[in-house]
Each structure stands twice: as C-alpha cells, then as structure tokens.
C-alpha atoms as a PDB file:
ATOM      1  CA  MET A   1      23.652  19.410 -84.661  1.00  0.00           C
ATOM      2  CA  SER A   2      20.908  19.160 -82.039  1.00  0.00           C
ATOM      3  CA  GLU A   3      23.170  17.086 -79.777  1.00  0.00           C
ATOM      4  CA  LEU A   4      25.959  19.631 -80.195  1.00  0.00           C
ATOM      5  CA  ARG A   5      23.648  22.535 -79.399  1.00  0.00           C
ATOM      6  CA  ALA A   6      22.369  20.718 -76.334  1.00  0.00           C
ATOM      7  CA  LEU A   7      25.926  20.419 -75.018  1.00  0.00           C
ATOM      8  CA  TRP A   8      26.649  24.128 -75.304  1.00  0.00           C
ATOM      9  CA  THR A   9      25.573  25.062 -71.784  1.00  0.00           C
ATOM     10  CA  ALA A  10      27.027  27.649 -69.413  1.00  0.00           C
ATOM     11  CA  PRO A  11      29.372  25.182 -67.647  1.00  0.00           C
ATOM     12  CA  VAL A  12      30.654  23.898 -70.985  1.00  0.00           C
ATOM     13  CA  TRP A  13      31.399  27.258 -72.571  1.00  0.00           C
ATOM     14  CA  GLY A  14      32.871  28.436 -69.293  1.00  0.00           C
ATOM     15  CA  ALA A  15      35.192  25.423 -69.106  1.00  0.00           C
ATOM     16  CA  THR A  16      36.049  25.880 -72.778  1.00  0.00           C
ATOM     17  CA  ALA A  17      36.963  29.520 -72.243  1.00  0.00           C
ATOM     18  CA  VAL A  18      39.137  28.614 -69.254  1.00  0.00           C
ATOM     19  CA  ALA A  19      40.947  25.905 -71.237  1.00  0.00           C
ATOM     20  CA  VAL A  20      41.648  28.259 -74.149  1.00  0.00           C
ATOM     21  CA  VAL A  21      42.806  31.061 -71.835  1.00  0.00           C
ATOM     22  CA  VAL A  22      45.110  28.686 -69.950  1.00  0.00           C
ATOM     23  CA  SER A  23      46.630  27.504 -73.246  1.00  0.00           C
ATOM     24  CA  LEU A  24      47.265  31.061 -74.380  1.00  0.00           C
ATOM     25  CA  GLY A  25      48.530  32.032 -70.925  1.00  0.00           C
ATOM     26  CA  LEU A  26      51.115  29.244 -70.847  1.00  0.00           C
ATOM     27  CA  VAL A  27      52.456  30.330 -74.224  1.00  0.00           C
ATOM     28  CA  ALA A  28      52.470  34.008 -73.226  1.00  0.00           C
ATOM     29  CA  ARG A  29      54.364  33.261 -70.003  1.00  0.00           C
ATOM     30  CA  LEU A  30      57.052  31.264 -71.791  1.00  0.00           C
ATOM     31  CA  TRP A  31      57.311  33.837 -74.583  1.00  0.00           C
ATOM     32  CA  MET A  32      57.725  36.752 -72.165  1.00  0.00           C
ATOM     33  CA  ALA A  33      60.340  34.896 -70.155  1.00  0.00           C
ATOM     34  CA  GLY A  34      62.237  33.861 -73.278  1.00  0.00           C
ATOM     35  CA  ALA A  35      62.068  37.282 -74.923  1.00  0.00           C
ATOM     36  CA  ALA A  36      63.479  38.928 -71.803  1.00  0.00           C
ATOM     37  CA  TYR A  37      66.251  36.353 -71.603  1.00  0.00           C
ATOM     38  CA  GLY A  38      67.072  36.602 -75.274  1.00  0.00           C
ATOM     39  CA  ALA A  39      66.248  33.040 -76.318  1.00  0.00           C
ATOM     40  CA  LEU A  40      63.002  31.171 -76.867  1.00  0.00           C
ATOM     41  CA  ASP A  41      62.326  27.495 -76.443  1.00  0.00           C
ATOM     42  CA  PRO A  42      61.900  25.989 -79.936  1.00  0.00           C
ATOM     43  CA  SER A  43      58.500  24.557 -78.962  1.00  0.00           C
ATOM     44  CA  VAL A  44      57.325  28.140 -78.319  1.00  0.00           C
ATOM     45  CA  SER A  45      59.024  29.979 -81.167  1.00  0.00           C
ATOM     46  CA  ALA A  46      57.677  27.421 -83.657  1.00  0.00           C
ATOM     47  CA  LEU A  47      54.116  28.517 -82.842  1.00  0.00           C
ATOM     48  CA  THR A  48      54.426  31.433 -85.255  1.00  0.00           C
ATOM     49  CA  SER A  49      53.819  28.774 -87.912  1.00  0.00           C
ATOM     50  CA  LEU A  50      50.135  27.834 -88.303  1.00  0.00           C
ATOM     51  CA  PRO A  51      50.749  24.064 -88.669  1.00  0.00           C
ATOM     52  CA  SER A  52      52.905  24.125 -85.528  1.00  0.00           C
ATOM     53  CA  ALA A  53      50.237  26.055 -83.655  1.00  0.00           C
ATOM     54  CA  LEU A  54      47.556  23.572 -84.698  1.00  0.00           C
ATOM     55  CA  ARG A  55      49.785  20.691 -83.627  1.00  0.00           C
ATOM     56  CA  ALA A  56      50.418  22.395 -80.275  1.00  0.00           C
ATOM     57  CA  ALA A  57      46.690  22.885 -79.711  1.00  0.00           C
ATOM     58  CA  ALA A  58      46.076  19.221 -80.475  1.00  0.00           C
ATOM     59  CA  TRP A  59      48.769  18.244 -77.972  1.00  0.00           C
ATOM     60  CA  GLN A  60      47.289  20.594 -75.389  1.00  0.00           C
ATOM     61  CA  PHE A  61      43.795  19.157 -75.614  1.00  0.00           C
ATOM     62  CA  ALA A  62      45.012  15.569 -75.673  1.00  0.00           C
ATOM     63  CA  THR A  63      46.548  16.022 -72.231  1.00  0.00           C
ATOM     64  CA  LEU A  64      45.296  17.493 -68.962  1.00  0.00           C
ATOM     65  CA  LEU A  65      43.278  20.412 -70.344  1.00  0.00           C
ATOM     66  CA  GLY A  66      41.497  18.113 -72.752  1.00  0.00           C
ATOM     67  CA  LEU A  67      40.788  15.601 -69.998  1.00  0.00           C
ATOM     68  CA  LEU A  68      39.284  18.258 -67.735  1.00  0.00           C
ATOM     69  CA  LEU A  69      37.219  19.800 -70.523  1.00  0.00           C
ATOM     70  CA  THR A  70      35.911  16.402 -71.649  1.00  0.00           C
ATOM     71  CA  GLY A  71      34.993  15.509 -68.084  1.00  0.00           C
ATOM     72  CA  VAL A  72      32.953  18.705 -67.736  1.00  0.00           C
ATOM     73  CA  VAL A  73      31.216  18.239 -71.097  1.00  0.00           C
ATOM     74  CA  VAL A  74      30.258  14.600 -70.476  1.00  0.00           C
ATOM     75  CA  ALA A  75      29.219  15.327 -66.895  1.00  0.00           C
ATOM     76  CA  THR A  76      26.936  18.221 -67.843  1.00  0.00           C
ATOM     77  CA  GLY A  77      25.635  16.363 -70.884  1.00  0.00           C
ATOM     78  CA  LEU A  78      25.263  12.637 -70.349  1.00  0.00           C
ATOM     79  CA  GLY A  79      25.681  12.781 -66.565  1.00  0.00           C
ATOM     80  CA  GLN A  80      22.976  15.413 -66.191  1.00  0.00           C
ATOM     81  CA  THR A  81      20.687  13.453 -68.513  1.00  0.00           C
ATOM     82  CA  LEU A  82      21.008  10.357 -66.352  1.00  0.00           C
ATOM     83  CA  GLU A  83      20.801  12.200 -63.042  1.00  0.00           C
ATOM     84  CA  GLY A  84      17.744  14.158 -64.126  1.00  0.00           C
ATOM     85  CA  GLY A  85      15.910  11.047 -65.307  1.00  0.00           C
ATOM     86  CA  THR A  86      15.522  12.175 -68.925  1.00  0.00           C
ATOM     87  CA  TRP A  87      17.536   9.244 -70.286  1.00  0.00           C
ATOM     88  CA  GLY A  88      14.467   7.037 -69.964  1.00  0.00           C
ATOM     89  CA  ALA A  89      12.410   9.533 -71.963  1.00  0.00           C
ATOM     90  CA  LEU A  90      15.026   9.508 -74.704  1.00  0.00           C
ATOM     91  CA  ARG A  91      14.815   5.731 -74.880  1.00  0.00           C
ATOM     92  CA  LEU A  92      11.089   5.941 -75.484  1.00  0.00           C
ATOM     93  CA  PHE A  93      11.850   7.656 -78.796  1.00  0.00           C
ATOM     94  CA  GLU A  94      15.065   5.767 -79.594  1.00  0.00           C
ATOM     95  CA  ASN A  95      15.495   2.442 -77.830  1.00  0.00           C
ATOM     96  CA  ARG A  96      18.811   1.646 -79.526  1.00  0.00           C
ATOM     97  CA  VAL A  97      21.232   2.582 -76.786  1.00  0.00           C
ATOM     98  CA  GLY A  98      24.176   2.306 -79.157  1.00  0.00           C
ATOM     99  CA  VAL A  99      22.707   5.043 -81.345  1.00  0.00           C
ATOM    100  CA  LEU A 100      22.092   7.352 -78.397  1.00  0.00           C
ATOM    101  CA  TRP A 101      25.564   6.757 -76.984  1.00  0.00           C
ATOM    102  CA  ALA A 102      27.175   7.299 -80.406  1.00  0.00           C
ATOM    103  CA  ARG A 103      25.315  10.595 -80.794  1.00  0.00           C
ATOM    104  CA  LYS A 104      26.433  11.822 -77.382  1.00  0.00           C
ATOM    105  CA  ALA A 105      30.035  10.745 -77.930  1.00  0.00           C
ATOM    106  CA  GLY A 106      30.096  12.162 -81.462  1.00  0.00           C
ATOM    107  CA  ALA A 107      28.855  15.540 -80.256  1.00  0.00           C
ATOM    108  CA  VAL A 108      31.546  15.719 -77.560  1.00  0.00           C
ATOM    109  CA  LEU A 109      34.207  14.710 -80.090  1.00  0.00           C
ATOM    110  CA  ALA A 110      33.021  17.348 -82.566  1.00  0.00           C
ATOM    111  CA  LEU A 111      33.176  19.977 -79.830  1.00  0.00           C
ATOM    112  CA  ALA A 112      36.702  18.869 -78.896  1.00  0.00           C
ATOM    113  CA  LEU A 113      37.820  19.152 -82.528  1.00  0.00           C
ATOM    114  CA  ALA A 114      36.305  22.630 -82.870  1.00  0.00           C
ATOM    115  CA  VAL A 115      38.002  23.836 -79.682  1.00  0.00           C
ATOM    116  CA  GLN A 116      41.343  22.435 -80.853  1.00  0.00           C
ATOM    117  CA  LEU A 117      41.145  24.223 -84.185  1.00  0.00           C
ATOM    118  CA  VAL A 118      40.076  27.530 -82.653  1.00  0.00           C
ATOM    119  CA  THR A 119      42.837  27.322 -80.055  1.00  0.00           C
ATOM    120  CA  GLY A 120      45.415  26.554 -82.734  1.00  0.00           C
ATOM    121  CA  VAL A 121      44.460  29.631 -84.729  1.00  0.00           C
ATOM    122  CA  LEU A 122      44.507  31.778 -81.585  1.00  0.00           C
ATOM    123  CA  LEU A 123      47.958  30.452 -80.663  1.00  0.00           C
ATOM    124  CA  TRP A 124      49.239  31.330 -84.124  1.00  0.00           C
ATOM    125  CA  LEU A 125      47.736  34.831 -84.024  1.00  0.00           C
ATOM    126  CA  SER A 126      48.891  35.557 -80.473  1.00  0.00           C
ATOM    127  CA  THR A 127      52.491  34.437 -81.042  1.00  0.00           C
ATOM    128  CA  SER A 128      52.601  36.471 -84.248  1.00  0.00           C
ATOM    129  CA  VAL A 129      51.529  39.507 -82.219  1.00  0.00           C
ATOM    130  CA  PHE A 130      54.068  38.656 -79.501  1.00  0.00           C
ATOM    131  CA  GLY A 131      56.779  38.556 -82.134  1.00  0.00           C
ATOM    132  CA  VAL A 132      55.987  42.141 -83.094  1.00  0.00           C
ATOM    133  CA  LEU A 133      55.347  43.605 -79.646  1.00  0.00           C
ATOM    134  CA  TRP A 134      57.966  41.642 -77.704  1.00  0.00           C
ATOM    135  CA  PRO A 135      60.658  40.590 -80.176  1.00  0.00           C
ATOM    136  CA  VAL A 136      63.443  38.366 -78.933  1.00  0.00           C
ATOM    137  CA  ARG A 137      66.618  40.430 -78.768  1.00  0.00           C
ATOM    138  CA  PRO A 138      69.736  38.339 -78.223  1.00  0.00           C
ATOM    139  CA  ARG A 139      71.689  39.443 -75.184  1.00  0.00           C
ATOM    140  CA  ALA A 140      75.206  40.719 -75.642  1.00  0.00           C
ATOM    141  CA  VAL A 141      77.945  39.149 -73.563  1.00  0.00           C
ATOM    142  CA  PRO A 142      80.309  41.685 -71.867  1.00  0.00           C
ATOM    143  CA  PRO A 143      83.737  41.943 -73.518  1.00  0.00           C
ATOM    144  CA  GLY A 144      85.503  40.352 -70.560  1.00  0.00           C
ATOM    145  CA  PHE A 145      83.777  37.048 -71.237  1.00  0.00           C
ATOM    146  CA  GLY A 146      84.345  36.957 -74.964  1.00  0.00           C
ATOM    147  CA  GLY A 147      88.094  37.406 -75.343  1.00  0.00           C
ATOM    148  CA  GLY A 148      87.868  41.163 -75.733  1.00  0.00           C
ATOM    149  CA  ALA A 149      85.097  41.200 -78.351  1.00  0.00           C
ATOM    150  CA  VAL A 150      81.364  41.512 -77.833  1.00  0.00           C
ATOM    151  CA  VAL A 151      79.735  38.151 -78.464  1.00  0.00           C
ATOM    152  CA  HIS A 152      76.098  37.952 -79.417  1.00  0.00           C
ATOM    153  CA  VAL A 153      73.900  34.969 -78.810  1.00  0.00           C
ATOM    154  CA  PRO A 154      72.502  33.879 -82.188  1.00  0.00           C
ATOM    155  CA  PRO A 155      68.805  34.566 -82.635  1.00  0.00           C
ATOM    156  CA  PRO A 156      66.635  31.553 -81.837  1.00  0.00           C
ATOM    157  CA  VAL A 157      65.481  29.668 -84.893  1.00  0.00           C
ATOM    158  CA  PRO A 158      62.805  26.991 -84.564  1.00  0.00           C
ATOM    159  CA  ALA A 159      64.563  23.670 -84.769  1.00  0.00           C
ATOM    160  CA  GLU A 160      61.651  22.056 -86.541  1.00  0.00           C
ATOM    161  CA  SER A 161      58.375  23.661 -87.500  1.00  0.00           C
ATOM    162  CA  ALA A 162      55.567  21.229 -88.118  1.00  0.00           C
ATOM    163  CA  THR A 163      54.394  20.461 -91.619  1.00  0.00           C
ATOM    164  CA  TRP A 164      50.737  20.275 -92.504  1.00  0.00           C
ATOM    165  CA  SER A 165      50.882  16.486 -92.548  1.00  0.00           C
ATOM    166  CA  GLN A 166      52.344  16.496 -89.035  1.00  0.00           C
ATOM    167  CA  ALA A 167      49.631  18.874 -87.877  1.00  0.00           C
ATOM    168  CA  VAL A 168      46.895  16.665 -89.314  1.00  0.00           C
ATOM    169  CA  GLY A 169      48.514  13.607 -87.748  1.00  0.00           C
ATOM    170  CA  ALA A 170      48.639  15.317 -84.347  1.00  0.00           C
ATOM    171  CA  ILE A 171      44.975  16.307 -84.616  1.00  0.00           C
ATOM    172  CA  ALA A 172      44.021  12.732 -85.520  1.00  0.00           C
ATOM    173  CA  ALA A 173      46.064  11.371 -82.605  1.00  0.00           C
ATOM    174  CA  ALA A 174      44.457  13.899 -80.260  1.00  0.00           C
ATOM    175  CA  LEU A 175      41.006  12.796 -81.386  1.00  0.00           C
ATOM    176  CA  LEU A 176      41.916   9.201 -80.542  1.00  0.00           C
ATOM    177  CA  VAL A 177      42.979  10.336 -77.071  1.00  0.00           C
ATOM    178  CA  GLN A 178      39.756  12.307 -76.760  1.00  0.00           C
ATOM    179  CA  ILE A 179      37.781   9.173 -77.597  1.00  0.00           C
ATOM    180  CA  LEU A 180      39.473   7.497 -74.636  1.00  0.00           C
ATOM    181  CA  PHE A 181      38.613  10.445 -72.374  1.00  0.00           C
ATOM    182  CA  ILE A 182      35.004  10.463 -73.604  1.00  0.00           C
ATOM    183  CA  SER A 183      34.645   6.705 -73.142  1.00  0.00           C
ATOM    184  CA  LEU A 184      36.041   6.791 -69.600  1.00  0.00           C
ATOM    185  CA  ALA A 185      33.782   9.691 -68.623  1.00  0.00           C
ATOM    186  CA  GLY A 186      30.811   8.012 -70.302  1.00  0.00           C
ATOM    187  CA  CYS A 187      31.530   4.820 -68.399  1.00  0.00           C
ATOM    188  CA  ALA A 188      31.638   6.817 -65.164  1.00  0.00           C
ATOM    189  CA  ALA A 189      28.309   8.472 -66.004  1.00  0.00           C
ATOM    190  CA  ALA A 190      26.697   5.112 -66.783  1.00  0.00           C
ATOM    191  CA  LEU A 191      27.905   3.625 -63.500  1.00  0.00           C
ATOM    192  CA  LEU A 192      27.132   6.522 -61.141  1.00  0.00           C
ATOM    193  CA  ARG A 193      24.386   8.433 -62.972  1.00  0.00           C
ATOM    194  CA  SER A 194      25.374  11.761 -61.431  1.00  0.00           C
ATOM    195  CA  VAL A 195      27.217  14.889 -62.508  1.00  0.00           C
ATOM    196  CA  ILE A 196      29.655  14.959 -59.606  1.00  0.00           C
ATOM    197  CA  GLY A 197      30.273  11.225 -59.850  1.00  0.00           C
ATOM    198  CA  THR A 198      31.031  11.517 -63.559  1.00  0.00           C
ATOM    199  CA  LEU A 199      33.579  14.238 -62.900  1.00  0.00           C
ATOM    200  CA  ALA A 200      35.180  12.364 -60.018  1.00  0.00           C
ATOM    201  CA  LEU A 201      35.389   8.931 -61.635  1.00  0.00           C
ATOM    202  CA  GLY A 202      36.000  10.177 -65.166  1.00  0.00           C
ATOM    203  CA  ILE A 203      38.930  12.445 -64.273  1.00  0.00           C
ATOM    204  CA  GLY A 204      40.204  11.167 -60.936  1.00  0.00           C
ATOM    205  CA  PRO A 205      41.889   7.878 -61.925  1.00  0.00           C
ATOM    206  CA  LEU A 206      44.092   9.491 -64.573  1.00  0.00           C
ATOM    207  CA  LEU A 207      45.085  12.270 -62.202  1.00  0.00           C
ATOM    208  CA  VAL A 208      45.960  10.139 -59.198  1.00  0.00           C
ATOM    209  CA  THR A 209      47.958   7.642 -61.256  1.00  0.00           C
ATOM    210  CA  ALA A 210      50.033  10.309 -63.036  1.00  0.00           C
ATOM    211  CA  PRO A 211      52.991  10.059 -60.577  1.00  0.00           C
ATOM    212  CA  LEU A 212      53.350   6.376 -61.467  1.00  0.00           C
ATOM    213  CA  VAL A 213      54.908   7.292 -64.816  1.00  0.00           C
ATOM    214  CA  MET A 214      58.285   7.541 -63.106  1.00  0.00           C
ATOM    215  CA  LEU A 215      58.060   3.940 -61.866  1.00  0.00           C
ATOM    216  CA  PRO A 216      58.657   0.684 -63.762  1.00  0.00           C
ATOM    217  CA  ALA A 217      54.890   0.441 -64.310  1.00  0.00           C
ATOM    218  CA  ALA A 218      54.998   3.417 -66.712  1.00  0.00           C
ATOM    219  CA  PRO A 219      54.782   1.370 -69.960  1.00  0.00           C
ATOM    220  CA  PHE A 220      51.411   0.022 -68.810  1.00  0.00           C
ATOM    221  CA  LEU A 221      49.820   3.412 -68.089  1.00  0.00           C
ATOM    222  CA  PRO A 222      47.704   5.458 -70.531  1.00  0.00           C
ATOM    223  CA  HIS A 223      49.761   8.532 -69.603  1.00  0.00           C
ATOM    224  CA  ARG A 224      52.799   6.966 -71.216  1.00  0.00           C
ATOM    225  CA  TRP A 225      50.804   5.774 -74.228  1.00  0.00           C
ATOM    226  CA  ILE A 226      49.536   9.313 -74.797  1.00  0.00           C
ATOM    227  CA  ALA A 227      53.019  10.819 -74.554  1.00  0.00           C
ATOM    228  CA  ASP A 228      54.358   8.212 -76.982  1.00  0.00           C
ATOM    229  CA  LEU A 229      51.539   8.592 -79.490  1.00  0.00           C
ATOM    230  CA  LEU A 230      51.749  12.391 -79.542  1.00  0.00           C
ATOM    231  CA  ASP A 231      55.560  12.432 -79.373  1.00  0.00           C
ATOM    232  CA  LEU A 232      55.329  15.128 -76.717  1.00  0.00           C
ATOM    233  CA  PRO A 233      58.595  16.990 -76.119  1.00  0.00           C
ATOM    234  CA  SER A 234      59.708  15.892 -72.665  1.00  0.00           C
ATOM    235  CA  GLU A 235      61.077  19.315 -71.766  1.00  0.00           C
ATOM    236  CA  ALA A 236      57.761  20.992 -72.626  1.00  0.00           C
ATOM    237  CA  GLN A 237      55.620  18.759 -70.422  1.00  0.00           C
ATOM    238  CA  TYR A 238      54.406  20.543 -67.289  1.00  0.00           C
ATOM    239  CA  GLN A 239      55.463  23.824 -68.935  1.00  0.00           C
ATOM    240  CA  LEU A 240      53.679  24.194 -72.232  1.00  0.00           C
ATOM    241  CA  TYR A 241      51.658  20.957 -72.154  1.00  0.00           C
ATOM    242  CA  LEU A 242      50.220  20.084 -68.746  1.00  0.00           C
ATOM    243  CA  TRP A 243      51.095  16.429 -68.595  1.00  0.00           C
ATOM    244  CA  ASN A 244      53.277  14.078 -66.600  1.00  0.00           C
ATOM    245  CA  GLN A 245      56.826  14.437 -67.965  1.00  0.00           C
ATOM    246  CA  ALA A 246      56.718  10.822 -68.997  1.00  0.00           C
ATOM    247  CA  PRO A 247      60.016   9.703 -70.529  1.00  0.00           C
ATOM    248  CA  LEU A 248      59.452   9.031 -74.189  1.00  0.00           C
ATOM    249  CA  ASP A 249      59.627   5.552 -75.608  1.00  0.00           C
ATOM    250  CA  PRO A 250      59.787   5.705 -79.428  1.00  0.00           C
ATOM    251  CA  SER A 251      56.834   3.407 -80.034  1.00  0.00           C
ATOM    252  CA  PRO A 252      53.897   5.563 -81.150  1.00  0.00           C
ATOM    253  CA  MET A 253      52.172   2.635 -82.850  1.00  0.00           C
ATOM    254  CA  THR A 254      52.181   0.657 -79.627  1.00  0.00           C
ATOM    255  CA  GLY A 255      50.760   3.622 -77.754  1.00  0.00           C
ATOM    256  CA  GLY A 256      48.110   4.138 -80.410  1.00  0.00           C
ATOM    257  CA  PHE A 257      46.967   0.513 -80.371  1.00  0.00           C
ATOM    258  CA  ALA A 258      46.922   0.482 -76.567  1.00  0.00           C
ATOM    259  CA  LEU A 259      44.851   3.673 -76.450  1.00  0.00           C
ATOM    260  CA  ALA A 260      42.441   2.381 -79.098  1.00  0.00           C
ATOM    261  CA  GLY A 261      41.964  -0.854 -77.170  1.00  0.00           C
ATOM    262  CA  ALA A 262      41.400   0.939 -73.871  1.00  0.00           C
ATOM    263  CA  ALA A 263      38.941   3.346 -75.508  1.00  0.00           C
ATOM    264  CA  ALA A 264      37.015   0.471 -77.091  1.00  0.00           C
ATOM    265  CA  LEU A 265      36.752  -1.362 -73.769  1.00  0.00           C
ATOM    266  CA  ALA A 266      35.581   1.765 -71.965  1.00  0.00           C
ATOM    267  CA  ALA A 267      33.061   2.561 -74.717  1.00  0.00           C
ATOM    268  CA  VAL A 268      31.595  -0.956 -74.550  1.00  0.00           C
ATOM    269  CA  ALA A 269      31.413  -0.741 -70.756  1.00  0.00           C
ATOM    270  CA  ALA A 270      29.607   2.601 -71.055  1.00  0.00           C
ATOM    271  CA  TRP A 271      27.169   1.123 -73.582  1.00  0.00           C
ATOM    272  CA  ALA A 272      26.457  -1.808 -71.281  1.00  0.00           C
ATOM    273  CA  GLY A 273      25.866   0.504 -68.328  1.00  0.00           C
ATOM    274  CA  LEU A 274      23.597   2.783 -70.330  1.00  0.00           C
ATOM    275  CA  ARG A 275      21.687  -0.196 -71.693  1.00  0.00           C
ATOM    276  CA  SER A 276      20.861  -1.339 -68.171  1.00  0.00           C
ATOM    277  CA  GLU A 277      19.048   1.929 -67.476  1.00  0.00           C
ATOM    278  CA  ARG A 278      15.323   1.225 -67.800  1.00  0.00           C
ATOM    279  CA  ALA A 279      13.227   3.307 -70.155  1.00  0.00           C
ATOM    280  CA  LEU A 280      10.614   3.842 -67.473  1.00  0.00           C
ATOM    281  CA  ARG A 281      11.303   3.970 -63.757  1.00  0.00           C
ATOM    282  CA  PRO A 282       8.733   3.787 -60.988  1.00  0.00           C
ATOM    283  CA  VAL A 283       8.160   6.978 -59.092  1.00  0.00           C
ATOM    284  CA  ASP A 284       9.753   6.809 -55.636  1.00  0.00           C
END
C-alpha cells in the first residue's frame, strides 16, 4: 500500500483523469453521432451491459491510453526515484533489487487495474444515462424509397454483449499487456535514469512503429500481438480504442505468448539496469 500511495502524485492523478475523460468522451461522441443517425455501432450500444463496459475499459487501457498512462506513472515513480538519487537510499534498506523492482511494478499494475475497473463502471453508467437522455430513434425512410410504404430502420441491437467470463478474460489480457508496458518503461528508466528519458524511451518506440502494422512485418510487432490477444474489433480501432487498426489474425495464444516473452525480457533488462545502480554514489 505504501508503494501505491507513493505513486499517487499530481502528475499521476492528472494523467489518470485525462485517460478516463478521453475514454468517456470517445464513447459519448460515437453515441451522439449514432443516436442522431438512428443506428449505433454494436461496440458502443453493448456498453449498456456492465460486462461489456468492463471489457471495453480493459481494451482501452491495454492500448494507447494505457501505454501513455503507464509511461507517466513509471516516469514519475521509478524515473523520479532514480533521477533524484533516492534509489541508492532505498537499497540501503533493501538491497534485493528484484524485491524493489517487483514492488514498483506491482504498484503500477494495481493502479492500472483500479483505473480499468473504475472506467468500466463509469462507461456503463454513462451509456445507461445516454440511453435515457439521447435514445436512438430509427429514421423513417420517405415513402418514395420504400415502394409507397414508410420503412423503418430496425432498432440497433447489440450483436454480442460480453459475458462475465469474457470480461474477466479481457481484464486478464489487459493486465498482461500492462506488464509489457511497465517492463518497457522500467527498462527505459533503468537505462536513462531520468523522467523525460523514461517517457521518451518507454512510449516512443511503440508509437513510431505503429504505422508498420500495415506492412509484411506486422506479425512481428507487439501492436499486432496486442490486437490479436484482445480480439479488438478492427472497425473500432482509432475510433473507440486508440490503436493501430491492425488487421486481426485469429491467433490470440500466439499473441499472448509473444507478449509474455517480450515482457519477461524487458523486465529482466530493467532488473539488470537497476541492479547496476550503486547504493552509494560519490558526491560530484
């Protein structure tokens, strides 16, 4: 709990609030547009179900919003600790670097889980309110286009609302993706020992390589692995879920194993970098 409380700084809660507001804003924009048109995208209309909303929040924070939030949390937590020189003081009380790194990573992961759950509940509540205040009214087609009779578009029905097992599976998959994000940011912090460097190196590579998902190299990119593992709807990417519109390849197990391996490698690299930091440093 002490590690989690230490993370809850002004930059972290500010970034958390922005991420939650952006998630709700994306849903509100798509709902308003769909309600005015008379038809909602199934990925939006399904959010009136709590399991679907929790699954959507997990998807949201396993993609770009989650990456940005994790980068800020690790940078202001571990990055600030290294830049400020307090990492050496911590090692005087606990010289097992693996324990310190596990505590830091566990606190960030717990925060990510809490934000996902809160966002899921807020998505469910907000779409329920939208359904009352801005109901979807099917548009009537003029008689000239319907053979003399007025034709009504059938009301949109969610094609597939998530079950509780699917919601739990999505949350578990999102936590695996978050472990990758945390490990990459932690590795950046261990290498550069600065807040800005952690943000740049922890977030930058995944952002600049996102356009490569449309090339033959896509199967070897973590962007594609994430889309496969989460089974992200292709049509909702870059609309409801800020990701790369990677074409789906029905191999979630492959994506999961690839992500787990990449996260393990990054976590070990972060541990090695943190271990090289001396407990006491001479004063310059």
